PDB file of N, CA and C in Angstrom:
ATOM      1  N   UNK A   1      68.678 -64.840  33.817  1.00  0.00           N
ATOM      2  CA  UNK A   1      69.537 -65.636  32.961  1.00  0.00           C
ATOM      3  C   UNK A   1      68.658 -66.550  32.105  1.00  0.00           C
ATOM      4  N   UNK A   2      69.064 -66.745  30.880  1.00  0.00           N
ATOM      5  CA  UNK A   2      68.379 -67.623  29.954  1.00  0.00           C
ATOM      6  C   UNK A   2      68.305 -69.048  30.527  1.00  0.00           C
ATOM      7  N   UNK A   3      67.161 -69.703  30.368  1.00  0.00           N
ATOM      8  CA  UNK A   3      66.967 -71.060  30.909  1.00  0.00           C
ATOM      9  C   UNK A   3      67.994 -72.038  30.350  1.00  0.00           C
ATOM     10  N   UNK A   4      68.285 -71.943  29.061  1.00  0.00           N
ATOM     11  CA  UNK A   4      69.235 -72.881  28.453  1.00  0.00           C
ATOM     12  C   UNK A   4      70.631 -72.684  29.036  1.00  0.00           C
ATOM     13  N   UNK A   5      71.038 -71.421  29.266  1.00  0.00           N
ATOM     14  CA  UNK A   5      72.340 -71.139  29.869  1.00  0.00           C
ATOM     15  C   UNK A   5      72.381 -71.727  31.280  1.00  0.00           C
ATOM     16  N   UNK A   6      71.280 -71.611  32.018  1.00  0.00           N
ATOM     17  CA  UNK A   6      71.215 -72.208  33.359  1.00  0.00           C
ATOM     18  C   UNK A   6      71.428 -73.716  33.287  1.00  0.00           C
ATOM     19  N   UNK A   7      70.751 -74.363  32.330  1.00  0.00           N
ATOM     20  CA  UNK A   7      70.884 -75.812  32.177  1.00  0.00           C
ATOM     21  C   UNK A   7      72.328 -76.199  31.871  1.00  0.00           C
ATOM     22  N   UNK A   8      72.955 -75.461  30.953  1.00  0.00           N
ATOM     23  CA  UNK A   8      74.331 -75.768  30.578  1.00  0.00           C
ATOM     24  C   UNK A   8      75.292 -75.516  31.734  1.00  0.00           C
ATOM     25  N   UNK A   9      75.047 -74.459  32.501  1.00  0.00           N
ATOM     26  CA  UNK A   9      75.932 -74.182  33.643  1.00  0.00           C
ATOM     27  C   UNK A   9      75.792 -75.277  34.707  1.00  0.00           C
ATOM     28  N   UNK A  10      74.588 -75.805  34.868  1.00  0.00           N
ATOM     29  CA  UNK A  10      74.392 -76.906  35.814  1.00  0.00           C
ATOM     30  C   UNK A  10      75.145 -78.155  35.358  1.00  0.00           C
ATOM     31  N   UNK A  11      75.157 -78.381  34.040  1.00  0.00           N
ATOM     32  CA  UNK A  11      75.882 -79.539  33.512  1.00  0.00           C
ATOM     33  C   UNK A  11      77.395 -79.396  33.712  1.00  0.00           C
ATOM     34  N   UNK A  12      77.864 -78.156  33.800  1.00  0.00           N
ATOM     35  CA  UNK A  12      79.293 -77.906  33.985  1.00  0.00           C
ATOM     36  C   UNK A  12      79.682 -77.775  35.457  1.00  0.00           C
ATOM     37  N   UNK A  13      78.715 -77.945  36.352  1.00  0.00           N
ATOM     38  CA  UNK A  13      78.961 -77.822  37.785  1.00  0.00           C
ATOM     39  C   UNK A  13      78.991 -79.202  38.420  1.00  0.00           C
ATOM     40  N   UNK A  14      79.999 -79.423  39.248  1.00  0.00           N
ATOM     41  CA  UNK A  14      80.141 -80.702  39.940  1.00  0.00           C
ATOM     42  C   UNK A  14      80.036 -80.448  41.444  1.00  0.00           C
ATOM     43  N   UNK A  15      79.166 -81.179  42.101  1.00  0.00           N
ATOM     44  CA  UNK A  15      79.007 -81.048  43.546  1.00  0.00           C
ATOM     45  C   UNK A  15      79.429 -82.361  44.195  1.00  0.00           C
ATOM     46  N   UNK A  16      80.410 -82.273  45.096  1.00  0.00           N
ATOM     47  CA  UNK A  16      80.848 -83.433  45.867  1.00  0.00           C
ATOM     48  C   UNK A  16      80.344 -83.223  47.289  1.00  0.00           C
ATOM     49  N   UNK A  17      79.522 -84.128  47.740  1.00  0.00           N
ATOM     50  CA  UNK A  17      78.900 -83.995  49.056  1.00  0.00           C
ATOM     51  C   UNK A  17      79.778 -84.582  50.153  1.00  0.00           C
ATOM     52  N   UNK A  18      79.854 -83.865  51.285  1.00  0.00           N
ATOM     53  CA  UNK A  18      80.517 -84.367  52.481  1.00  0.00           C
ATOM     54  C   UNK A  18      82.030 -84.454  52.415  1.00  0.00           C
ATOM     55  N   UNK A  19      82.670 -83.638  51.619  1.00  0.00           N
ATOM     56  CA  UNK A  19      84.142 -83.608  51.594  1.00  0.00           C
ATOM     57  C   UNK A  19      84.607 -82.388  52.376  1.00  0.00           C
ATOM     58  N   UNK A  20      85.904 -82.268  52.600  1.00  0.00           N
ATOM     59  CA  UNK A  20      86.471 -81.116  53.322  1.00  0.00           C
ATOM     60  C   UNK A  20      85.776 -80.903  54.666  1.00  0.00           C
ATOM     61  N   UNK A  21      85.972 -81.813  55.572  1.00  0.00           N
ATOM     62  CA  UNK A  21      85.401 -81.721  56.932  1.00  0.00           C
ATOM     63  C   UNK A  21      83.879 -81.691  56.929  1.00  0.00           C
ATOM     64  N   UNK A  22      83.276 -82.439  56.027  1.00  0.00           N
ATOM     65  CA  UNK A  22      81.822 -82.539  56.012  1.00  0.00           C
ATOM     66  C   UNK A  22      81.116 -81.497  55.174  1.00  0.00           C
ATOM     67  N   UNK A  23      81.855 -80.545  54.601  1.00  0.00           N
ATOM     68  CA  UNK A  23      81.236 -79.530  53.750  1.00  0.00           C
ATOM     69  C   UNK A  23      81.196 -80.012  52.307  1.00  0.00           C
ATOM     70  N   UNK A  24      80.220 -79.522  51.584  1.00  0.00           N
ATOM     71  CA  UNK A  24      80.118 -79.864  50.172  1.00  0.00           C
ATOM     72  C   UNK A  24      81.114 -79.021  49.376  1.00  0.00           C
ATOM     73  N   UNK A  25      81.674 -79.621  48.329  1.00  0.00           N
ATOM     74  CA  UNK A  25      82.599 -78.901  47.456  1.00  0.00           C
ATOM     75  C   UNK A  25      81.934 -78.744  46.088  1.00  0.00           C
ATOM     76  N   UNK A  26      81.839 -77.508  45.634  1.00  0.00           N
ATOM     77  CA  UNK A  26      81.234 -77.206  44.345  1.00  0.00           C
ATOM     78  C   UNK A  26      82.329 -76.689  43.424  1.00  0.00           C
ATOM     79  N   UNK A  27      82.470 -77.339  42.261  1.00  0.00           N
ATOM     80  CA  UNK A  27      83.441 -76.869  41.272  1.00  0.00           C
ATOM     81  C   UNK A  27      82.709 -76.599  39.959  1.00  0.00           C
ATOM     82  N   UNK A  28      83.178 -75.580  39.282  1.00  0.00           N
ATOM     83  CA  UNK A  28      82.585 -75.201  38.004  1.00  0.00           C
ATOM     84  C   UNK A  28      83.656 -75.337  36.931  1.00  0.00           C
ATOM     85  N   UNK A  29      83.379 -76.159  35.921  1.00  0.00           N
ATOM     86  CA  UNK A  29      84.328 -76.424  34.842  1.00  0.00           C
ATOM     87  C   UNK A  29      84.060 -75.448  33.702  1.00  0.00           C
ATOM     88  N   UNK A  30      84.855 -74.369  33.652  1.00  0.00           N
ATOM     89  CA  UNK A  30      84.664 -73.333  32.632  1.00  0.00           C
ATOM     90  C   UNK A  30      84.858 -73.880  31.221  1.00  0.00           C
ATOM     91  N   UNK A  31      85.824 -74.770  31.055  1.00  0.00           N
ATOM     92  CA  UNK A  31      86.083 -75.336  29.735  1.00  0.00           C
ATOM     93  C   UNK A  31      84.896 -76.177  29.260  1.00  0.00           C
ATOM     94  N   UNK A  32      84.373 -76.996  30.152  1.00  0.00           N
ATOM     95  CA  UNK A  32      83.203 -77.809  29.798  1.00  0.00           C
ATOM     96  C   UNK A  32      82.010 -76.911  29.467  1.00  0.00           C
ATOM     97  N   UNK A  33      81.815 -75.834  30.236  1.00  0.00           N
ATOM     98  CA  UNK A  33      80.724 -74.895  29.987  1.00  0.00           C
ATOM     99  C   UNK A  33      80.858 -74.280  28.599  1.00  0.00           C
ATOM    100  N   UNK A  34      82.061 -73.853  28.249  1.00  0.00           N
ATOM    101  CA  UNK A  34      82.290 -73.275  26.917  1.00  0.00           C
ATOM    102  C   UNK A  34      82.014 -74.302  25.826  1.00  0.00           C
ATOM    103  N   UNK A  35      82.473 -75.535  26.030  1.00  0.00           N
ATOM    104  CA  UNK A  35      82.232 -76.596  25.048  1.00  0.00           C
ATOM    105  C   UNK A  35      80.746 -76.877  24.887  1.00  0.00           C
ATOM    106  N   UNK A  36      80.020 -76.888  25.994  1.00  0.00           N
ATOM    107  CA  UNK A  36      78.577 -77.123  25.943  1.00  0.00           C
ATOM    108  C   UNK A  36      77.867 -76.014  25.166  1.00  0.00           C
ATOM    109  N   UNK A  37      78.292 -74.776  25.358  1.00  0.00           N
ATOM    110  CA  UNK A  37      77.674 -73.655  24.636  1.00  0.00           C
ATOM    111  C   UNK A  37      77.942 -73.775  23.145  1.00  0.00           C
ATOM    112  N   UNK A  38      79.199 -74.041  22.762  1.00  0.00           N
ATOM    113  CA  UNK A  38      79.531 -74.171  21.342  1.00  0.00           C
ATOM    114  C   UNK A  38      78.765 -75.336  20.721  1.00  0.00           C
ATOM    115  N   UNK A  39      78.735 -76.476  21.402  1.00  0.00           N
ATOM    116  CA  UNK A  39      78.013 -77.645  20.885  1.00  0.00           C
ATOM    117  C   UNK A  39      76.529 -77.335  20.720  1.00  0.00           C
ATOM    118  N   UNK A  40      75.957 -76.604  21.675  1.00  0.00           N
ATOM    119  CA  UNK A  40      74.544 -76.248  21.593  1.00  0.00           C
ATOM    120  C   UNK A  40      74.293 -75.304  20.417  1.00  0.00           C
ATOM    121  N   UNK A  41      75.214 -74.361  20.203  1.00  0.00           N
ATOM    122  CA  UNK A  41      75.084 -73.450  19.056  1.00  0.00           C
ATOM    123  C   UNK A  41      75.145 -74.216  17.740  1.00  0.00           C
ATOM    124  N   UNK A  42      76.076 -75.164  17.650  1.00  0.00           N
ATOM    125  CA  UNK A  42      76.180 -75.970  16.430  1.00  0.00           C
ATOM    126  C   UNK A  42      74.903 -76.779  16.198  1.00  0.00           C
ATOM    127  N   UNK A  43      74.338 -77.302  17.264  1.00  0.00           N
ATOM    128  CA  UNK A  43      73.082 -78.055  17.147  1.00  0.00           C
ATOM    129  C   UNK A  43      71.956 -77.150  16.665  1.00  0.00           C
ATOM    130  N   UNK A  44      71.896 -75.923  17.190  1.00  0.00           N
ATOM    131  CA  UNK A  44      70.852 -74.990  16.780  1.00  0.00           C
ATOM    132  C   UNK A  44      70.969 -74.647  15.301  1.00  0.00           C
ATOM    133  N   UNK A  45      72.204 -74.511  14.814  1.00  0.00           N
ATOM    134  CA  UNK A  45      72.405 -74.230  13.391  1.00  0.00           C
ATOM    135  C   UNK A  45      71.874 -75.394  12.564  1.00  0.00           C
ATOM    136  N   UNK A  46      72.262 -76.615  12.937  1.00  0.00           N
ATOM    137  CA  UNK A  46      71.796 -77.798  12.198  1.00  0.00           C
ATOM    138  C   UNK A  46      70.273 -77.907  12.237  1.00  0.00           C
ATOM    139  N   UNK A  47      69.690 -77.632  13.409  1.00  0.00           N
ATOM    140  CA  UNK A  47      68.236 -77.716  13.551  1.00  0.00           C
ATOM    141  C   UNK A  47      67.525 -76.641  12.740  1.00  0.00           C
ATOM    142  N   UNK A  48      68.231 -75.551  12.406  1.00  0.00           N
ATOM    143  CA  UNK A  48      67.632 -74.458  11.647  1.00  0.00           C
ATOM    144  C   UNK A  48      67.562 -74.708  10.154  1.00  0.00           C
ATOM    145  N   UNK A  49      68.235 -75.758   9.699  1.00  0.00           N
ATOM    146  CA  UNK A  49      68.209 -76.067   8.271  1.00  0.00           C
ATOM    147  C   UNK A  49      66.797 -76.474   7.850  1.00  0.00           C
ATOM    148  N   UNK A  50      66.417 -76.041   6.689  1.00  0.00           N
ATOM    149  CA  UNK A  50      65.096 -76.388   6.164  1.00  0.00           C
ATOM    150  C   UNK A  50      65.219 -77.675   5.364  1.00  0.00           C
ATOM    151  N   UNK A  51      64.449 -78.641   5.730  1.00  0.00           N
ATOM    152  CA  UNK A  51      64.433 -79.923   5.049  1.00  0.00           C
ATOM    153  C   UNK A  51      63.853 -79.750   3.652  1.00  0.00           C
ATOM    154  N   UNK A  52      64.411 -80.499   2.704  1.00  0.00           N
ATOM    155  CA  UNK A  52      63.924 -80.400   1.322  1.00  0.00           C
ATOM    156  C   UNK A  52      62.440 -80.703   1.208  1.00  0.00           C
ATOM    157  N   UNK A  53      61.920 -81.545   2.064  1.00  0.00           N
ATOM    158  CA  UNK A  53      60.502 -81.884   2.014  1.00  0.00           C
ATOM    159  C   UNK A  53      59.622 -80.698   2.415  1.00  0.00           C
ATOM    160  N   UNK A  54      60.225 -79.693   3.090  1.00  0.00           N
ATOM    161  CA  UNK A  54      59.464 -78.526   3.532  1.00  0.00           C
ATOM    162  C   UNK A  54      59.519 -77.380   2.525  1.00  0.00           C
ATOM    163  N   UNK A  55      60.304 -77.554   1.461  1.00  0.00           N
ATOM    164  CA  UNK A  55      60.484 -76.473   0.494  1.00  0.00           C
ATOM    165  C   UNK A  55      59.211 -76.174  -0.281  1.00  0.00           C
ATOM    166  N   UNK A  56      58.980 -74.918  -0.459  1.00  0.00           N
ATOM    167  CA  UNK A  56      57.941 -74.498  -1.377  1.00  0.00           C
ATOM    168  C   UNK A  56      58.632 -74.205  -2.698  1.00  0.00           C
ATOM    169  N   UNK A  57      58.083 -74.630  -3.783  1.00  0.00           N
ATOM    170  CA  UNK A  57      58.745 -74.521  -5.076  1.00  0.00           C
ATOM    171  C   UNK A  57      59.263 -73.113  -5.351  1.00  0.00           C
ATOM    172  N   UNK A  58      58.433 -72.103  -5.101  1.00  0.00           N
ATOM    173  CA  UNK A  58      58.827 -70.739  -5.437  1.00  0.00           C
ATOM    174  C   UNK A  58      59.924 -70.187  -4.526  1.00  0.00           C
ATOM    175  N   UNK A  59      60.204 -70.860  -3.417  1.00  0.00           N
ATOM    176  CA  UNK A  59      61.231 -70.395  -2.487  1.00  0.00           C
ATOM    177  C   UNK A  59      62.429 -71.335  -2.420  1.00  0.00           C
ATOM    178  N   UNK A  60      62.485 -72.272  -3.334  1.00  0.00           N
ATOM    179  CA  UNK A  60      63.535 -73.291  -3.280  1.00  0.00           C
ATOM    180  C   UNK A  60      64.933 -72.671  -3.348  1.00  0.00           C
ATOM    181  N   UNK A  61      65.143 -71.751  -4.250  1.00  0.00           N
ATOM    182  CA  UNK A  61      66.468 -71.155  -4.424  1.00  0.00           C
ATOM    183  C   UNK A  61      66.890 -70.368  -3.175  1.00  0.00           C
ATOM    184  N   UNK A  62      65.972 -69.606  -2.607  1.00  0.00           N
ATOM    185  CA  UNK A  62      66.270 -68.833  -1.392  1.00  0.00           C
ATOM    186  C   UNK A  62      66.588 -69.771  -0.237  1.00  0.00           C
ATOM    187  N   UNK A  63      65.803 -70.816  -0.101  1.00  0.00           N
ATOM    188  CA  UNK A  63      66.016 -71.779   0.974  1.00  0.00           C
ATOM    189  C   UNK A  63      67.372 -72.454   0.830  1.00  0.00           C
ATOM    190  N   UNK A  64      67.750 -72.799  -0.391  1.00  0.00           N
ATOM    191  CA  UNK A  64      69.050 -73.420  -0.616  1.00  0.00           C
ATOM    192  C   UNK A  64      70.178 -72.477  -0.216  1.00  0.00           C
ATOM    193  N   UNK A  65      70.031 -71.190  -0.516  1.00  0.00           N
ATOM    194  CA  UNK A  65      71.049 -70.200  -0.138  1.00  0.00           C
ATOM    195  C   UNK A  65      71.154 -70.075   1.382  1.00  0.00           C
ATOM    196  N   UNK A  66      70.005 -70.052   2.040  1.00  0.00           N
ATOM    197  CA  UNK A  66      69.996 -69.958   3.509  1.00  0.00           C
ATOM    198  C   UNK A  66      70.650 -71.199   4.110  1.00  0.00           C
ATOM    199  N   UNK A  67      70.284 -72.371   3.617  1.00  0.00           N
ATOM    200  CA  UNK A  67      70.876 -73.614   4.124  1.00  0.00           C
ATOM    201  C   UNK A  67      72.386 -73.634   3.893  1.00  0.00           C
ATOM    202  N   UNK A  68      72.818 -73.159   2.736  1.00  0.00           N
ATOM    203  CA  UNK A  68      74.248 -73.124   2.434  1.00  0.00           C
ATOM    204  C   UNK A  68      74.978 -72.190   3.406  1.00  0.00           C
ATOM    205  N   UNK A  69      74.391 -71.039   3.685  1.00  0.00           N
ATOM    206  CA  UNK A  69      74.995 -70.090   4.625  1.00  0.00           C
ATOM    207  C   UNK A  69      75.062 -70.685   6.031  1.00  0.00           C
ATOM    208  N   UNK A  70      73.999 -71.376   6.443  1.00  0.00           N
ATOM    209  CA  UNK A  70      73.993 -72.015   7.756  1.00  0.00           C
ATOM    210  C   UNK A  70      75.062 -73.105   7.845  1.00  0.00           C
ATOM    211  N   UNK A  71      75.193 -73.885   6.798  1.00  0.00           N
ATOM    212  CA  UNK A  71      76.199 -74.947   6.798  1.00  0.00           C
ATOM    213  C   UNK A  71      77.613 -74.363   6.799  1.00  0.00           C
ATOM    214  N   UNK A  72      77.824 -73.248   6.097  1.00  0.00           N
ATOM    215  CA  UNK A  72      79.129 -72.579   6.129  1.00  0.00           C
ATOM    216  C   UNK A  72      79.435 -72.112   7.546  1.00  0.00           C
ATOM    217  N   UNK A  73      78.453 -71.519   8.206  1.00  0.00           N
ATOM    218  CA  UNK A  73      78.638 -71.050   9.584  1.00  0.00           C
ATOM    219  C   UNK A  73      78.944 -72.235  10.496  1.00  0.00           C
ATOM    220  N   UNK A  74      78.182 -73.306  10.346  1.00  0.00           N
ATOM    221  CA  UNK A  74      78.387 -74.523  11.144  1.00  0.00           C
ATOM    222  C   UNK A  74      79.813 -75.034  10.955  1.00  0.00           C
ATOM    223  N   UNK A  75      80.242 -75.120   9.721  1.00  0.00           N
ATOM    224  CA  UNK A  75      81.574 -75.612   9.368  1.00  0.00           C
ATOM    225  C   UNK A  75      82.657 -74.741  10.005  1.00  0.00           C
ATOM    226  N   UNK A  76      82.546 -73.434   9.832  1.00  0.00           N
ATOM    227  CA  UNK A  76      83.561 -72.516  10.347  1.00  0.00           C
ATOM    228  C   UNK A  76      83.633 -72.514  11.873  1.00  0.00           C
ATOM    229  N   UNK A  77      82.482 -72.550  12.523  1.00  0.00           N
ATOM    230  CA  UNK A  77      82.457 -72.577  13.989  1.00  0.00           C
ATOM    231  C   UNK A  77      83.054 -73.882  14.508  1.00  0.00           C
ATOM    232  N   UNK A  78      82.672 -74.996  13.899  1.00  0.00           N
ATOM    233  CA  UNK A  78      83.187 -76.305  14.332  1.00  0.00           C
ATOM    234  C   UNK A  78      84.705 -76.354  14.212  1.00  0.00           C
ATOM    235  N   UNK A  79      85.243 -75.850  13.123  1.00  0.00           N
ATOM    236  CA  UNK A  79      86.698 -75.854  12.940  1.00  0.00           C
ATOM    237  C   UNK A  79      87.359 -74.889  13.923  1.00  0.00           C
ATOM    238  N   UNK A  80      86.813 -73.692  14.036  1.00  0.00           N
ATOM    239  CA  UNK A  80      87.412 -72.668  14.890  1.00  0.00           C
ATOM    240  C   UNK A  80      87.521 -73.124  16.346  1.00  0.00           C
ATOM    241  N   UNK A  81      86.513 -73.811  16.844  1.00  0.00           N
ATOM    242  CA  UNK A  81      86.515 -74.238  18.236  1.00  0.00           C
ATOM    243  C   UNK A  81      86.984 -75.679  18.435  1.00  0.00           C
ATOM    244  N   UNK A  82      87.489 -76.313  17.376  1.00  0.00           N
ATOM    245  CA  UNK A  82      88.039 -77.657  17.509  1.00  0.00           C
ATOM    246  C   UNK A  82      87.010 -78.763  17.625  1.00  0.00           C
ATOM    247  N   UNK A  83      85.831 -78.566  17.062  1.00  0.00           N
ATOM    248  CA  UNK A  83      84.770 -79.570  17.125  1.00  0.00           C
ATOM    249  C   UNK A  83      84.584 -80.295  15.790  1.00  0.00           C
ATOM    250  N   UNK A  84      85.515 -80.116  14.871  1.00  0.00           N
ATOM    251  CA  UNK A  84      85.354 -80.658  13.529  1.00  0.00           C
ATOM    252  C   UNK A  84      85.088 -82.165  13.541  1.00  0.00           C
ATOM    253  N   UNK A  85      85.923 -82.910  14.221  1.00  0.00           N
ATOM    254  CA  UNK A  85      85.773 -84.366  14.235  1.00  0.00           C
ATOM    255  C   UNK A  85      84.489 -84.781  14.920  1.00  0.00           C
ATOM    256  N   UNK A  86      84.172 -84.143  16.044  1.00  0.00           N
ATOM    257  CA  UNK A  86      82.985 -84.493  16.819  1.00  0.00           C
ATOM    258  C   UNK A  86      81.701 -84.273  16.021  1.00  0.00           C
ATOM    259  N   UNK A  87      81.705 -83.251  15.133  1.00  0.00           N
ATOM    260  CA  UNK A  87      80.504 -82.943  14.367  1.00  0.00           C
ATOM    261  C   UNK A  87      80.608 -83.347  12.901  1.00  0.00           C
ATOM    262  N   UNK A  88      81.599 -84.168  12.579  1.00  0.00           N
ATOM    263  CA  UNK A  88      81.733 -84.690  11.230  1.00  0.00           C
ATOM    264  C   UNK A  88      82.035 -83.637  10.188  1.00  0.00           C
ATOM    265  N   UNK A  89      82.816 -82.630  10.562  1.00  0.00           N
ATOM    266  CA  UNK A  89      83.164 -81.556   9.636  1.00  0.00           C
ATOM    267  C   UNK A  89      84.590 -81.798   9.159  1.00  0.00           C
ATOM    268  N   UNK A  90      84.773 -81.751   7.837  1.00  0.00           N
ATOM    269  CA  UNK A  90      86.109 -81.907   7.287  1.00  0.00           C
ATOM    270  C   UNK A  90      86.773 -80.554   7.183  1.00  0.00           C
ATOM    271  N   UNK A  91      88.037 -80.510   7.627  1.00  0.00           N
ATOM    272  CA  UNK A  91      88.776 -79.244   7.603  1.00  0.00           C
ATOM    273  C   UNK A  91      89.294 -78.934   6.219  1.00  0.00           C
TER     274      UNK A  91
END
């Protein structure tokens, strides 16, 4: 399993120690796990944008197109999964 998926699954897992006659209770929040994956994907898209300071003059137009496509994807994913407000995306 991918290390990042392991990390996210751990964040979505809750362990309560010493409940139910002294046994530990482990619960996995599927909704939280899904939200963590979507949020991580949105972060990766934002992190993939090329900063204007990194542009090479001869590739400026291509870079702008790539950034625009990434922002469109970010926007559509955020709206589709209900993260618009959390990520500052206007519907």
